[in-house]
Amino acid sequence: MKKIIIYTDGGARGNPGPAAIGAVFCNEKGQLLREYSQYLGDNLTNNEAEYQAVILALKKFKALFGKELAKNSEIKILSDSELLVRQLNGQYKILEPKLQPLFLEIWNLKFDFKKIKFKLIPRLKNKQADRLVSQALNNESRSQKLI
């Protein structure tokens, strides 16, 4: 059985505003396997971006390792978003209508894995994923200025 640790982060400048996500894949020893980032677009909230980061991470895992390995893998998603982690762990209700379909998408993706655990971590321990978010936002803002 494979154990993978995935750090995720999402952010929006302006909240709502331009948003991006980042995900850092590590093995159980904490060694870096892959990094992903993506610009999402305008008029999104931080919370929407946090959810999108988890969705990206789970989809990328299946694309990278395949469905068979996913079925035999334990995934630990680490995030500094209290709202995200507590909602995904069933401790908070999802009251924001825009988050409900994102929650359902993650819920359905969970069935492709043996086990997924969501854990809240301090922001200082999520620096790599945060850096990826900032890079994606900065790259997008530079490309818009060139046009």
C-alpha atoms as a PDB file:
ATOM      1  CA  MET A   1       0.000   0.000   0.000  1.00  0.00           C
ATOM      2  CA  LYS A   2       1.246   3.461  -0.920  1.00  0.00           C
ATOM      3  CA  LYS A   3       1.076   6.392   1.498  1.00  0.00           C
ATOM      4  CA  ILE A   4       1.229   9.869   0.012  1.00  0.00           C
ATOM      5  CA  ILE A   5       1.198  13.228   1.759  1.00  0.00           C
ATOM      6  CA  ILE A   6      -0.234  16.121  -0.236  1.00  0.00           C
ATOM      7  CA  TYR A   7       0.034  19.725   0.879  1.00  0.00           C
ATOM      8  CA  THR A   8      -2.647  21.902  -0.724  1.00  0.00           C
ATOM      9  CA  ASP A   9      -3.292  25.620  -0.747  1.00  0.00           C
ATOM     10  CA  GLY A  10      -5.529  28.050  -2.547  1.00  0.00           C
ATOM     11  CA  GLY A  11      -5.663  31.792  -2.514  1.00  0.00           C
ATOM     12  CA  ALA A  12      -7.475  34.760  -4.005  1.00  0.00           C
ATOM     13  CA  ARG A  13      -6.180  38.297  -4.156  1.00  0.00           C
ATOM     14  CA  GLY A  14      -9.030  40.568  -3.208  1.00  0.00           C
ATOM     15  CA  ASN A  15     -11.287  37.744  -1.995  1.00  0.00           C
ATOM     16  CA  PRO A  16     -13.087  37.483  -4.329  1.00  0.00           C
ATOM     17  CA  GLY A  17     -10.501  38.147  -6.956  1.00  0.00           C
ATOM     18  CA  PRO A  18      -7.889  36.426  -9.098  1.00  0.00           C
ATOM     19  CA  ALA A  19      -7.269  32.972  -7.632  1.00  0.00           C
ATOM     20  CA  ALA A  20      -4.738  30.162  -7.903  1.00  0.00           C
ATOM     21  CA  ILE A  21      -3.954  26.810  -6.316  1.00  0.00           C
ATOM     22  CA  GLY A  22      -0.949  24.703  -5.427  1.00  0.00           C
ATOM     23  CA  ALA A  23      -0.333  21.091  -4.442  1.00  0.00           C
ATOM     24  CA  VAL A  24       2.862  19.429  -3.247  1.00  0.00           C
ATOM     25  CA  PHE A  25       3.113  15.619  -3.348  1.00  0.00           C
ATOM     26  CA  CYS A  26       5.514  13.907  -0.919  1.00  0.00           C
ATOM     27  CA  ASN A  27       6.121  10.290  -0.009  1.00  0.00           C
ATOM     28  CA  GLU A  28       5.623   9.078   3.557  1.00  0.00           C
ATOM     29  CA  LYS A  29       9.207  10.117   4.383  1.00  0.00           C
ATOM     30  CA  GLY A  30       8.430  13.694   3.332  1.00  0.00           C
ATOM     31  CA  GLN A  31      10.490  13.567   0.138  1.00  0.00           C
ATOM     32  CA  LEU A  32       9.171  15.720  -2.699  1.00  0.00           C
ATOM     33  CA  LEU A  33       7.592  13.777  -5.580  1.00  0.00           C
ATOM     34  CA  ARG A  34       5.741  16.429  -7.617  1.00  0.00           C
ATOM     35  CA  GLU A  35       4.487  19.998  -7.476  1.00  0.00           C
ATOM     36  CA  TYR A  36       1.485  21.450  -9.279  1.00  0.00           C
ATOM     37  CA  SER A  37       0.047  24.930  -9.532  1.00  0.00           C
ATOM     38  CA  GLN A  38      -2.706  26.455 -11.595  1.00  0.00           C
ATOM     39  CA  TYR A  39      -4.263  29.858 -12.122  1.00  0.00           C
ATOM     40  CA  LEU A  40      -8.049  29.556 -11.718  1.00  0.00           C
ATOM     41  CA  GLY A  41      -9.344  32.896 -12.966  1.00  0.00           C
ATOM     42  CA  ASP A  42     -11.038  35.975 -11.537  1.00  0.00           C
ATOM     43  CA  ASN A  43     -13.817  36.529  -9.036  1.00  0.00           C
ATOM     44  CA  LEU A  44     -13.171  33.481  -6.843  1.00  0.00           C
ATOM     45  CA  THR A  45     -12.883  33.364  -3.051  1.00  0.00           C
ATOM     46  CA  ASN A  46     -10.072  31.906  -0.960  1.00  0.00           C
ATOM     47  CA  ASN A  47     -12.397  29.115   0.142  1.00  0.00           C
ATOM     48  CA  GLU A  48     -13.316  28.190  -3.438  1.00  0.00           C
ATOM     49  CA  ALA A  49      -9.607  28.082  -4.276  1.00  0.00           C
ATOM     50  CA  GLU A  50      -8.860  25.877  -1.239  1.00  0.00           C
ATOM     51  CA  TYR A  51     -11.471  23.359  -2.427  1.00  0.00           C
ATOM     52  CA  GLN A  52     -10.181  23.493  -6.000  1.00  0.00           C
ATOM     53  CA  ALA A  53      -6.666  22.708  -4.714  1.00  0.00           C
ATOM     54  CA  VAL A  54      -7.887  19.448  -3.150  1.00  0.00           C
ATOM     55  CA  ILE A  55      -9.783  18.545  -6.317  1.00  0.00           C
ATOM     56  CA  LEU A  56      -6.665  19.167  -8.425  1.00  0.00           C
ATOM     57  CA  ALA A  57      -4.547  17.074  -6.049  1.00  0.00           C
ATOM     58  CA  LEU A  58      -6.861  14.060  -6.133  1.00  0.00           C
ATOM     59  CA  LYS A  59      -7.274  14.194  -9.910  1.00  0.00           C
ATOM     60  CA  LYS A  60      -3.516  14.594 -10.436  1.00  0.00           C
ATOM     61  CA  PHE A  61      -2.851  11.619  -8.163  1.00  0.00           C
ATOM     62  CA  LYS A  62      -5.104   9.393 -10.281  1.00  0.00           C
ATOM     63  CA  ALA A  63      -3.562  10.717 -13.505  1.00  0.00           C
ATOM     64  CA  LEU A  64      -0.014  10.241 -12.195  1.00  0.00           C
ATOM     65  CA  PHE A  65      -0.345   6.886 -10.416  1.00  0.00           C
ATOM     66  CA  GLY A  66      -3.479   5.373 -11.973  1.00  0.00           C
ATOM     67  CA  LYS A  67      -6.790   4.190 -10.557  1.00  0.00           C
ATOM     68  CA  GLU A  68      -5.467   0.827  -9.370  1.00  0.00           C
ATOM     69  CA  LEU A  69      -2.795   2.383  -7.180  1.00  0.00           C
ATOM     70  CA  ALA A  70      -5.307   4.971  -5.946  1.00  0.00           C
ATOM     71  CA  LYS A  71      -7.552   2.144  -4.711  1.00  0.00           C
ATOM     72  CA  ASN A  72      -4.649   0.862  -2.605  1.00  0.00           C
ATOM     73  CA  SER A  73      -3.328   4.194  -1.376  1.00  0.00           C
ATOM     74  CA  GLU A  74      -3.694   6.170   1.814  1.00  0.00           C
ATOM     75  CA  ILE A  75      -3.665   9.881   1.138  1.00  0.00           C
ATOM     76  CA  LYS A  76      -3.103  12.531   3.764  1.00  0.00           C
ATOM     77  CA  ILE A  77      -4.208  15.980   2.599  1.00  0.00           C
ATOM     78  CA  LEU A  78      -2.607  18.727   4.677  1.00  0.00           C
ATOM     79  CA  SER A  79      -4.082  22.228   4.494  1.00  0.00           C
ATOM     80  CA  ASP A  80      -3.910  25.442   6.481  1.00  0.00           C
ATOM     81  CA  SER A  81      -7.605  26.157   5.792  1.00  0.00           C
ATOM     82  CA  GLU A  82      -9.591  25.455   8.941  1.00  0.00           C
ATOM     83  CA  LEU A  83     -12.901  25.818   7.094  1.00  0.00           C
ATOM     84  CA  LEU A  84     -11.910  23.334   4.380  1.00  0.00           C
ATOM     85  CA  VAL A  85     -10.545  20.691   6.740  1.00  0.00           C
ATOM     86  CA  ARG A  86     -13.411  20.929   9.213  1.00  0.00           C
ATOM     87  CA  GLN A  87     -16.021  20.784   6.433  1.00  0.00           C
ATOM     88  CA  LEU A  88     -14.370  17.800   4.764  1.00  0.00           C
ATOM     89  CA  ASN A  89     -14.142  16.044   8.135  1.00  0.00           C
ATOM     90  CA  GLY A  90     -17.857  16.675   8.799  1.00  0.00           C
ATOM     91  CA  GLN A  91     -17.291  19.100  11.694  1.00  0.00           C
ATOM     92  CA  TYR A  92     -18.711  22.193   9.959  1.00  0.00           C
ATOM     93  CA  LYS A  93     -21.761  22.512   7.733  1.00  0.00           C
ATOM     94  CA  ILE A  94     -21.313  23.775   4.186  1.00  0.00           C
ATOM     95  CA  LEU A  95     -23.497  26.877   4.168  1.00  0.00           C
ATOM     96  CA  GLU A  96     -21.936  28.705   1.190  1.00  0.00           C
ATOM     97  CA  PRO A  97     -23.797  27.614  -1.971  1.00  0.00           C
ATOM     98  CA  LYS A  98     -20.671  27.889  -4.166  1.00  0.00           C
ATOM     99  CA  LEU A  99     -18.796  25.432  -1.934  1.00  0.00           C
ATOM    100  CA  GLN A 100     -21.483  22.738  -1.944  1.00  0.00           C
ATOM    101  CA  PRO A 101     -20.766  21.372  -5.456  1.00  0.00           C
ATOM    102  CA  LEU A 102     -17.017  21.468  -4.729  1.00  0.00           C
ATOM    103  CA  PHE A 103     -17.589  19.467  -1.535  1.00  0.00           C
ATOM    104  CA  LEU A 104     -19.631  16.917  -3.501  1.00  0.00           C
ATOM    105  CA  GLU A 105     -16.901  16.606  -6.123  1.00  0.00           C
ATOM    106  CA  ILE A 106     -14.317  15.822  -3.429  1.00  0.00           C
ATOM    107  CA  TRP A 107     -16.761  13.431  -1.740  1.00  0.00           C
ATOM    108  CA  ASN A 108     -17.150  11.520  -5.013  1.00  0.00           C
ATOM    109  CA  LEU A 109     -13.399  11.534  -5.724  1.00  0.00           C
ATOM    110  CA  LYS A 110     -12.792   9.962  -2.291  1.00  0.00           C
ATOM    111  CA  PHE A 111     -14.385   6.720  -3.496  1.00  0.00           C
ATOM    112  CA  ASP A 112     -11.428   6.176  -5.841  1.00  0.00           C
ATOM    113  CA  PHE A 113      -8.996   5.900  -2.902  1.00  0.00           C
ATOM    114  CA  LYS A 114      -8.527   3.408  -0.091  1.00  0.00           C
ATOM    115  CA  LYS A 115      -8.369   6.149   2.541  1.00  0.00           C
ATOM    116  CA  ILE A 116      -8.139   9.936   2.571  1.00  0.00           C
ATOM    117  CA  LYS A 117      -7.423  11.885   5.727  1.00  0.00           C
ATOM    118  CA  PHE A 118      -7.747  15.671   5.918  1.00  0.00           C
ATOM    119  CA  LYS A 119      -5.545  17.385   8.482  1.00  0.00           C
ATOM    120  CA  LEU A 120      -5.223  21.025   9.505  1.00  0.00           C
ATOM    121  CA  ILE A 121      -1.662  22.323   9.696  1.00  0.00           C
ATOM    122  CA  PRO A 122      -0.229  25.730  10.610  1.00  0.00           C
ATOM    123  CA  ARG A 123       0.367  28.113   7.731  1.00  0.00           C
ATOM    124  CA  LEU A 124       4.116  28.004   8.381  1.00  0.00           C
ATOM    125  CA  LYS A 125       4.145  24.285   7.562  1.00  0.00           C
ATOM    126  CA  ASN A 126       2.428  24.884   4.220  1.00  0.00           C
ATOM    127  CA  LYS A 127       5.008  27.224   2.684  1.00  0.00           C
ATOM    128  CA  GLN A 128       5.690  25.168  -0.464  1.00  0.00           C
ATOM    129  CA  ALA A 129       2.044  25.013  -1.526  1.00  0.00           C
ATOM    130  CA  ASP A 130       1.596  28.692  -0.640  1.00  0.00           C
ATOM    131  CA  ARG A 131       4.628  29.566  -2.781  1.00  0.00           C
ATOM    132  CA  LEU A 132       3.066  27.745  -5.749  1.00  0.00           C
ATOM    133  CA  VAL A 133      -0.144  29.775  -5.354  1.00  0.00           C
ATOM    134  CA  SER A 134       1.807  33.043  -5.278  1.00  0.00           C
ATOM    135  CA  GLN A 135       3.850  32.033  -8.328  1.00  0.00           C
ATOM    136  CA  ALA A 136       0.743  31.211 -10.347  1.00  0.00           C
ATOM    137  CA  LEU A 137      -0.888  34.518  -9.393  1.00  0.00           C
ATOM    138  CA  ASN A 138       2.276  36.498 -10.121  1.00  0.00           C
ATOM    139  CA  ASN A 139       2.827  34.765 -13.474  1.00  0.00           C
ATOM    140  CA  GLU A 140      -0.753  35.469 -14.535  1.00  0.00           C
ATOM    141  CA  SER A 141      -0.532  39.122 -13.518  1.00  0.00           C
ATOM    142  CA  ARG A 142       2.722  39.537 -15.502  1.00  0.00           C
ATOM    143  CA  SER A 143       1.236  37.901 -18.608  1.00  0.00           C
ATOM    144  CA  GLN A 144      -1.788  40.214 -18.485  1.00  0.00           C
ATOM    145  CA  LYS A 145       0.470  43.277 -18.364  1.00  0.00           C
ATOM    146  CA  LEU A 146       2.274  42.128 -21.511  1.00  0.00           C
ATOM    147  CA  ILE A 147      -0.904  42.031 -23.594  1.00  0.00           C
END
